[in-house]
Amino acid sequence: LAQVTDTPNKFRGLPLGSRAVNIADGNTSTYFLTTFGRATRKTVCSCEVKMEPNLSQALHLLNGDAVNNRIQRGQVVQNLQKEVKKPEEVIKSLYLRTVSRPPTDVESSRLNNVLSEAKEPAEVTQFLEDVFWALLNSKEYLFNH
């Protein structure tokens, strides 16, 4: 999530941009890591790790600040708009960035139909951010990344 949204993680005692796997101290945690099953590290048993998806995780991604704040802070959509200009190309870049493939013809067609309704630049930006959010919450992204 940090890489795709251009928002580096900050964990207590570690440099900006460190990954969760670099946390050596079992006492260092975040709500996101706890929600997604980080082991408490009270024992050496891997059975502490929760691997099953649950409602808390889904709600956190859909309604929580993790995804929305990162989309806003990272400015990925705005930066892509400056680079490639065309919204259709921004959509293609967002697909490549999140699910490592371009949108299918059906996806492109549906997105372009909705995009055509956006008249103001702010509406286009909001639509593109919504596409980014939807991709980050898609099964394809969640199960592959």
Protein backbone atom coordinates (compact mmCIF):
# COMPACT_ATOMS: atom_id res chain seq x y z
CA LEU A 1 0.00 0.00 0.00
CA ALA A 2 2.81 2.40 0.85
CA GLN A 3 4.60 1.70 -2.42
CA VAL A 4 1.52 1.95 -4.65
CA THR A 5 0.35 5.22 -3.06
CA ASP A 6 3.82 6.83 -2.78
CA THR A 7 3.36 7.27 0.96
CA PRO A 8 6.26 5.85 2.96
CA ASN A 9 5.54 4.11 6.26
CA LYS A 10 6.78 5.57 9.53
CA PHE A 11 7.24 3.14 12.37
CA ARG A 12 8.54 4.23 15.78
CA GLY A 13 12.31 3.83 15.97
CA LEU A 14 12.78 3.11 12.27
CA PRO A 15 13.65 5.42 9.38
CA LEU A 16 10.91 6.77 7.14
CA GLY A 17 10.05 4.26 4.45
CA SER A 18 10.86 1.16 6.48
CA ARG A 19 8.73 -1.88 5.82
CA ALA A 20 6.75 -3.69 8.50
CA VAL A 21 9.02 -6.70 8.14
CA ASN A 22 11.89 -4.55 9.48
CA ILE A 23 10.20 -4.09 12.86
CA ALA A 24 12.29 -6.10 15.29
CA ASP A 25 10.49 -4.98 18.43
CA GLY A 26 7.28 -6.91 19.07
CA ASN A 27 5.94 -3.97 21.08
CA THR A 28 5.94 -1.67 18.05
CA SER A 29 2.63 -1.91 16.31
CA THR A 30 -0.02 0.04 14.47
CA TYR A 31 -3.74 -0.40 14.14
CA PHE A 32 -3.27 -1.49 10.53
CA LEU A 33 -0.76 -4.22 11.42
CA THR A 34 -2.86 -5.44 14.33
CA THR A 35 -6.01 -5.54 12.19
CA PHE A 36 -4.27 -7.51 9.48
CA GLY A 37 -2.97 -10.21 11.79
CA ARG A 38 0.50 -9.24 12.95
CA ALA A 39 1.61 -11.75 15.56
CA THR A 40 1.95 -10.53 19.13
CA ARG A 41 5.33 -12.28 19.27
CA LYS A 42 4.69 -13.71 22.71
CA THR A 43 5.84 -17.12 21.50
CA VAL A 44 7.88 -18.41 18.58
CA CYS A 45 4.89 -20.31 17.23
CA SER A 46 3.68 -19.16 13.85
CA CYS A 47 0.19 -20.14 15.01
CA GLU A 48 -0.14 -16.63 16.48
CA VAL A 49 -0.48 -15.15 13.01
CA LYS A 50 -4.07 -14.65 11.87
CA MET A 51 -4.26 -15.54 8.19
CA GLU A 52 -8.02 -15.50 7.62
CA PRO A 53 -9.61 -12.35 6.26
CA ASN A 54 -12.22 -10.85 8.55
CA LEU A 55 -14.85 -8.13 8.71
CA SER A 56 -12.57 -5.71 10.59
CA GLN A 57 -10.06 -5.82 7.74
CA ALA A 58 -12.70 -5.22 5.08
CA LEU A 59 -14.24 -2.33 7.00
CA HIS A 60 -10.84 -0.80 7.70
CA LEU A 61 -9.97 -0.79 4.01
CA LEU A 62 -13.38 0.40 2.84
CA ASN A 63 -14.09 3.02 5.50
CA GLY A 64 -10.86 3.58 7.36
CA ASP A 65 -8.24 6.22 6.92
CA ALA A 66 -5.49 3.93 5.66
CA VAL A 67 -6.45 3.93 1.98
CA ASN A 68 -8.16 7.32 1.76
CA ASN A 69 -5.39 9.21 3.55
CA ARG A 70 -2.69 7.55 1.48
CA ILE A 71 -4.47 8.42 -1.77
CA GLN A 72 -4.66 12.06 -0.67
CA ARG A 73 -1.13 12.29 0.77
CA GLY A 74 0.60 10.46 -2.06
CA GLN A 75 -0.90 12.66 -4.78
CA VAL A 76 -0.49 9.79 -7.28
CA VAL A 77 -3.54 10.80 -9.31
CA GLN A 78 -2.54 14.46 -9.47
CA ASN A 79 1.03 13.59 -10.44
CA LEU A 80 -0.18 11.24 -13.16
CA GLN A 81 -2.54 13.92 -14.46
CA LYS A 82 0.43 16.29 -14.78
CA GLU A 83 2.54 13.65 -16.54
CA VAL A 84 0.12 12.04 -18.97
CA LYS A 85 -2.72 14.59 -19.18
CA LYS A 86 -5.39 12.26 -20.62
CA PRO A 87 -7.67 10.69 -17.98
CA GLU A 88 -7.78 7.43 -19.98
CA GLU A 89 -4.00 7.18 -19.69
CA VAL A 90 -4.16 7.94 -15.96
CA ILE A 91 -6.62 5.06 -15.57
CA LYS A 92 -4.28 2.74 -17.46
CA SER A 93 -1.37 3.84 -15.24
CA LEU A 94 -3.44 3.25 -12.09
CA TYR A 95 -4.29 -0.27 -13.27
CA LEU A 96 -0.65 -1.04 -14.03
CA ARG A 97 0.42 0.39 -10.68
CA THR A 98 -2.11 -1.56 -8.61
CA VAL A 99 -2.98 -4.81 -10.39
CA SER A 100 0.01 -5.01 -12.77
CA ARG A 101 -2.07 -5.08 -15.94
CA PRO A 102 -3.91 -2.64 -18.18
CA PRO A 103 -7.69 -2.42 -17.89
CA THR A 104 -9.64 -4.87 -20.03
CA ASP A 105 -11.71 -3.51 -22.91
CA VAL A 106 -14.87 -3.94 -20.84
CA GLU A 107 -13.35 -2.12 -17.86
CA SER A 108 -12.08 0.69 -20.09
CA SER A 109 -15.44 1.07 -21.77
CA ARG A 110 -17.35 1.25 -18.48
CA LEU A 111 -14.88 3.67 -16.91
CA ASN A 112 -14.84 5.89 -19.98
CA ASN A 113 -18.66 6.02 -19.97
CA VAL A 114 -18.65 7.31 -16.40
CA LEU A 115 -15.68 9.58 -17.08
CA SER A 116 -17.55 11.27 -19.92
CA GLU A 117 -20.06 12.59 -17.36
CA ALA A 118 -17.35 14.54 -15.50
CA LYS A 119 -17.34 18.11 -16.81
CA GLU A 120 -15.06 20.01 -14.43
CA PRO A 121 -11.37 19.20 -13.79
CA ALA A 122 -12.15 18.65 -10.09
CA GLU A 123 -14.80 16.07 -11.04
CA VAL A 124 -12.29 14.26 -13.25
CA THR A 125 -9.72 14.21 -10.43
CA GLN A 126 -12.34 12.93 -7.96
CA PHE A 127 -13.39 10.21 -10.40
CA LEU A 128 -9.77 9.12 -10.91
CA GLU A 129 -9.21 9.02 -7.14
CA ASP A 130 -12.34 6.89 -6.83
CA VAL A 131 -10.97 4.51 -9.48
CA PHE A 132 -7.68 4.32 -7.53
CA TRP A 133 -9.58 3.63 -4.29
CA ALA A 134 -11.67 0.93 -6.00
CA LEU A 135 -8.55 -0.75 -7.39
CA LEU A 136 -6.87 -0.71 -3.97
CA ASN A 137 -9.95 -2.37 -2.50
CA SER A 138 -10.41 -4.89 -5.31
CA LYS A 139 -10.00 -8.61 -4.70
CA GLU A 140 -7.38 -8.68 -7.42
CA TYR A 141 -5.18 -6.19 -5.57
CA LEU A 142 -5.84 -7.53 -2.07
CA PHE A 143 -5.07 -11.14 -2.92
CA ASN A 144 -2.00 -10.43 -5.04
CA HIS A 145 -0.34 -7.71 -3.03
